[in-house]
Amino acid sequence: MYGFLEDITSPVEEPIRRVISRFNTGTIDFTPLVAILLLGFIKRMIYMFL
């Protein structure tokens, strides 16, 4: 189950993780939060333009 979830989320999280790592957030990984917010923003933009 873990491998399946990792395979699905990695393409979205890896680019975000590379950008966030520059800000040295310590031991807290904000990548899932940023990914959820970013995907929600993209979803709203698609709905607005359709």
PDB file of N, CA and C in Angstrom:
ATOM      1  N   MET A   1       0.832  -1.192   0.000  1.00  0.00           N
ATOM      2  CA  MET A   1       0.000   0.000   0.000  1.00  0.00           C
ATOM      3  C   MET A   1       0.877   1.258   0.000  1.00  0.00           C
ATOM      4  N   TYR A   2       1.942   1.257   0.816  1.00  0.00           N
ATOM      5  CA  TYR A   2       2.810   2.427   0.884  1.00  0.00           C
ATOM      6  C   TYR A   2       3.467   2.701  -0.468  1.00  0.00           C
ATOM      7  N   GLY A   3       3.928   1.646  -1.128  1.00  0.00           N
ATOM      8  CA  GLY A   3       4.571   1.808  -2.431  1.00  0.00           C
ATOM      9  C   GLY A   3       3.624   2.384  -3.464  1.00  0.00           C
ATOM     10  N   PHE A   4       2.377   1.949  -3.436  1.00  0.00           N
ATOM     11  CA  PHE A   4       1.371   2.458  -4.360  1.00  0.00           C
ATOM     12  C   PHE A   4       1.150   3.955  -4.155  1.00  0.00           C
ATOM     13  N   LEU A   5       0.980   4.364  -2.909  1.00  0.00           N
ATOM     14  CA  LEU A   5       0.774   5.790  -2.618  1.00  0.00           C
ATOM     15  C   LEU A   5       2.003   6.610  -2.979  1.00  0.00           C
ATOM     16  N   GLU A   6       3.173   6.067  -2.722  1.00  0.00           N
ATOM     17  CA  GLU A   6       4.414   6.765  -3.066  1.00  0.00           C
ATOM     18  C   GLU A   6       4.530   6.946  -4.579  1.00  0.00           C
ATOM     19  N   ASP A   7       4.167   5.925  -5.345  1.00  0.00           N
ATOM     20  CA  ASP A   7       4.220   6.013  -6.808  1.00  0.00           C
ATOM     21  C   ASP A   7       3.256   7.053  -7.356  1.00  0.00           C
ATOM     22  N   ILE A   8       2.114   7.205  -6.719  1.00  0.00           N
ATOM     23  CA  ILE A   8       1.114   8.160  -7.189  1.00  0.00           C
ATOM     24  C   ILE A   8       1.497   9.599  -6.825  1.00  0.00           C
ATOM     25  N   THR A   9       2.007   9.807  -5.632  1.00  0.00           N
ATOM     26  CA  THR A   9       2.257  11.169  -5.162  1.00  0.00           C
ATOM     27  C   THR A   9       3.633  11.721  -5.530  1.00  0.00           C
ATOM     28  N   SER A  10       4.581  10.875  -5.829  1.00  0.00           N
ATOM     29  CA  SER A  10       5.941  11.338  -6.125  1.00  0.00           C
ATOM     30  C   SER A  10       6.027  12.318  -7.289  1.00  0.00           C
ATOM     31  N   PRO A  11       5.341  12.081  -8.410  1.00  0.00           N
ATOM     32  CA  PRO A  11       5.455  13.041  -9.514  1.00  0.00           C
ATOM     33  C   PRO A  11       4.998  14.451  -9.150  1.00  0.00           C
ATOM     34  N   VAL A  12       4.072  14.572  -8.218  1.00  0.00           N
ATOM     35  CA  VAL A  12       3.596  15.892  -7.808  1.00  0.00           C
ATOM     36  C   VAL A  12       4.505  16.473  -6.726  1.00  0.00           C
ATOM     37  N   GLU A  13       4.930  15.647  -5.790  1.00  0.00           N
ATOM     38  CA  GLU A  13       5.672  16.141  -4.637  1.00  0.00           C
ATOM     39  C   GLU A  13       7.153  16.415  -4.897  1.00  0.00           C
ATOM     40  N   GLU A  14       7.787  15.687  -5.786  1.00  0.00           N
ATOM     41  CA  GLU A  14       9.227  15.846  -5.979  1.00  0.00           C
ATOM     42  C   GLU A  14       9.628  17.261  -6.411  1.00  0.00           C
ATOM     43  N   PRO A  15       8.981  17.862  -7.424  1.00  0.00           N
ATOM     44  CA  PRO A  15       9.371  19.236  -7.790  1.00  0.00           C
ATOM     45  C   PRO A  15       9.125  20.232  -6.656  1.00  0.00           C
ATOM     46  N   ILE A  16       8.034  20.042  -5.938  1.00  0.00           N
ATOM     47  CA  ILE A  16       7.727  20.939  -4.818  1.00  0.00           C
ATOM     48  C   ILE A  16       8.760  20.759  -3.714  1.00  0.00           C
ATOM     49  N   ARG A  17       9.137  19.517  -3.451  1.00  0.00           N
ATOM     50  CA  ARG A  17      10.122  19.223  -2.406  1.00  0.00           C
ATOM     51  C   ARG A  17      11.474  19.871  -2.732  1.00  0.00           C
ATOM     52  N   ARG A  18      11.862  19.881  -4.022  1.00  0.00           N
ATOM     53  CA  ARG A  18      13.121  20.514  -4.413  1.00  0.00           C
ATOM     54  C   ARG A  18      13.094  22.017  -4.141  1.00  0.00           C
ATOM     55  N   VAL A  19      11.959  22.655  -4.402  1.00  0.00           N
ATOM     56  CA  VAL A  19      11.845  24.105  -4.172  1.00  0.00           C
ATOM     57  C   VAL A  19      11.814  24.410  -2.679  1.00  0.00           C
ATOM     58  N   ILE A  20      11.028  23.654  -1.921  1.00  0.00           N
ATOM     59  CA  ILE A  20      10.890  23.911  -0.488  1.00  0.00           C
ATOM     60  C   ILE A  20      12.186  23.640   0.260  1.00  0.00           C
ATOM     61  N   SER A  21      12.989  22.695  -0.217  1.00  0.00           N
ATOM     62  CA  SER A  21      14.228  22.367   0.492  1.00  0.00           C
ATOM     63  C   SER A  21      15.185  23.544   0.525  1.00  0.00           C
ATOM     64  N   ARG A  22      15.030  24.484  -0.357  1.00  0.00           N
ATOM     65  CA  ARG A  22      15.887  25.677  -0.367  1.00  0.00           C
ATOM     66  C   ARG A  22      15.615  26.597   0.826  1.00  0.00           C
ATOM     67  N   PHE A  23      14.437  26.486   1.407  1.00  0.00           N
ATOM     68  CA  PHE A  23      14.059  27.366   2.498  1.00  0.00           C
ATOM     69  C   PHE A  23      14.371  26.804   3.874  1.00  0.00           C
ATOM     70  N   ASN A  24      14.928  25.592   3.935  1.00  0.00           N
ATOM     71  CA  ASN A  24      15.361  24.975   5.185  1.00  0.00           C
ATOM     72  C   ASN A  24      14.267  25.040   6.249  1.00  0.00           C
ATOM     73  N   THR A  25      13.218  24.261   6.039  1.00  0.00           N
ATOM     74  CA  THR A  25      12.091  24.250   6.967  1.00  0.00           C
ATOM     75  C   THR A  25      12.326  23.317   8.150  1.00  0.00           C
ATOM     76  N   GLY A  26      13.502  22.756   8.250  1.00  0.00           N
ATOM     77  CA  GLY A  26      13.817  21.882   9.379  1.00  0.00           C
ATOM     78  C   GLY A  26      13.252  20.495   9.170  1.00  0.00           C
ATOM     79  N   THR A  27      12.747  19.905  10.227  1.00  0.00           N
ATOM     80  CA  THR A  27      12.261  18.533  10.143  1.00  0.00           C
ATOM     81  C   THR A  27      10.812  18.430   9.682  1.00  0.00           C
ATOM     82  N   ILE A  28      10.145  19.558   9.523  1.00  0.00           N
ATOM     83  CA  ILE A  28       8.743  19.549   9.087  1.00  0.00           C
ATOM     84  C   ILE A  28       8.699  19.569   7.564  1.00  0.00           C
ATOM     85  N   ASP A  29       7.984  18.620   6.987  1.00  0.00           N
ATOM     86  CA  ASP A  29       7.842  18.538   5.533  1.00  0.00           C
ATOM     87  C   ASP A  29       6.507  19.169   5.135  1.00  0.00           C
ATOM     88  N   PHE A  30       6.582  20.342   4.539  1.00  0.00           N
ATOM     89  CA  PHE A  30       5.383  21.054   4.117  1.00  0.00           C
ATOM     90  C   PHE A  30       4.943  20.666   2.709  1.00  0.00           C
ATOM     91  N   THR A  31       5.636  19.732   2.082  1.00  0.00           N
ATOM     92  CA  THR A  31       5.342  19.357   0.703  1.00  0.00           C
ATOM     93  C   THR A  31       3.897  18.913   0.493  1.00  0.00           C
ATOM     94  N   PRO A  32       3.328  18.012   1.310  1.00  0.00           N
ATOM     95  CA  PRO A  32       1.928  17.620   1.071  1.00  0.00           C
ATOM     96  C   PRO A  32       0.954  18.797   1.173  1.00  0.00           C
ATOM     97  N   LEU A  33       1.177  19.684   2.118  1.00  0.00           N
ATOM     98  CA  LEU A  33       0.304  20.847   2.267  1.00  0.00           C
ATOM     99  C   LEU A  33       0.383  21.748   1.044  1.00  0.00           C
ATOM    100  N   VAL A  34       1.585  22.021   0.581  1.00  0.00           N
ATOM    101  CA  VAL A  34       1.771  22.874  -0.594  1.00  0.00           C
ATOM    102  C   VAL A  34       1.163  22.207  -1.824  1.00  0.00           C
ATOM    103  N   ALA A  35       1.331  20.889  -1.954  1.00  0.00           N
ATOM    104  CA  ALA A  35       0.769  20.175  -3.103  1.00  0.00           C
ATOM    105  C   ALA A  35      -0.756  20.263  -3.107  1.00  0.00           C
ATOM    106  N   ILE A  36      -1.378  20.088  -1.954  1.00  0.00           N
ATOM    107  CA  ILE A  36      -2.837  20.167  -1.865  1.00  0.00           C
ATOM    108  C   ILE A  36      -3.321  21.572  -2.216  1.00  0.00           C
ATOM    109  N   LEU A  37      -2.653  22.581  -1.690  1.00  0.00           N
ATOM    110  CA  LEU A  37      -3.041  23.962  -1.995  1.00  0.00           C
ATOM    111  C   LEU A  37      -2.840  24.282  -3.474  1.00  0.00           C
ATOM    112  N   LEU A  38      -1.737  23.833  -4.033  1.00  0.00           N
ATOM    113  CA  LEU A  38      -1.448  24.093  -5.441  1.00  0.00           C
ATOM    114  C   LEU A  38      -2.444  23.387  -6.353  1.00  0.00           C
ATOM    115  N   LEU A  39      -2.758  22.144  -6.063  1.00  0.00           N
ATOM    116  CA  LEU A  39      -3.732  21.421  -6.872  1.00  0.00           C
ATOM    117  C   LEU A  39      -5.126  22.037  -6.753  1.00  0.00           C
ATOM    118  N   GLY A  40      -5.484  22.518  -5.571  1.00  0.00           N
ATOM    119  CA  GLY A  40      -6.762  23.205  -5.396  1.00  0.00           C
ATOM    120  C   GLY A  40      -6.820  24.489  -6.197  1.00  0.00           C
ATOM    121  N   PHE A  41      -5.711  25.223  -6.219  1.00  0.00           N
ATOM    122  CA  PHE A  41      -5.633  26.463  -6.992  1.00  0.00           C
ATOM    123  C   PHE A  41      -5.770  26.169  -8.485  1.00  0.00           C
ATOM    124  N   ILE A  42      -5.080  25.142  -8.963  1.00  0.00           N
ATOM    125  CA  ILE A  42      -5.161  24.771 -10.375  1.00  0.00           C
ATOM    126  C   ILE A  42      -6.585  24.344 -10.733  1.00  0.00           C
ATOM    127  N   LYS A  43      -7.215  23.595  -9.849  1.00  0.00           N
ATOM    128  CA  LYS A  43      -8.596  23.162 -10.074  1.00  0.00           C
ATOM    129  C   LYS A  43      -9.531  24.360 -10.203  1.00  0.00           C
ATOM    130  N   ARG A  44      -9.365  25.335  -9.327  1.00  0.00           N
ATOM    131  CA  ARG A  44     -10.218  26.540  -9.390  1.00  0.00           C
ATOM    132  C   ARG A  44      -9.989  27.313 -10.676  1.00  0.00           C
ATOM    133  N   MET A  45      -8.737  27.407 -11.127  1.00  0.00           N
ATOM    134  CA  MET A  45      -8.431  28.112 -12.354  1.00  0.00           C
ATOM    135  C   MET A  45      -9.067  27.413 -13.550  1.00  0.00           C
ATOM    136  N   ILE A  46      -9.035  26.090 -13.550  1.00  0.00           N
ATOM    137  CA  ILE A  46      -9.651  25.345 -14.661  1.00  0.00           C
ATOM    138  C   ILE A  46     -11.161  25.575 -14.672  1.00  0.00           C
ATOM    139  N   TYR A  47     -11.799  25.503 -13.498  1.00  0.00           N
ATOM    140  CA  TYR A  47     -13.242  25.733 -13.421  1.00  0.00           C
ATOM    141  C   TYR A  47     -13.611  27.151 -13.819  1.00  0.00           C
ATOM    142  N   MET A  48     -12.764  28.113 -13.504  1.00  0.00           N
ATOM    143  CA  MET A  48     -13.069  29.501 -13.800  1.00  0.00           C
ATOM    144  C   MET A  48     -12.995  29.759 -15.314  1.00  0.00           C
ATOM    145  N   PHE A  49     -12.072  29.097 -15.987  1.00  0.00           N
ATOM    146  CA  PHE A  49     -11.900  29.354 -17.411  1.00  0.00           C
ATOM    147  C   PHE A  49     -12.768  28.456 -18.298  1.00  0.00           C
ATOM    148  N   LEU A  50     -13.504  27.520 -17.708  1.00  0.00           N
ATOM    149  CA  LEU A  50     -14.374  26.663 -18.533  1.00  0.00           C
ATOM    150  C   LEU A  50     -15.772  27.180 -18.593  1.00  0.00           C
TER     151      LEU A  50
END
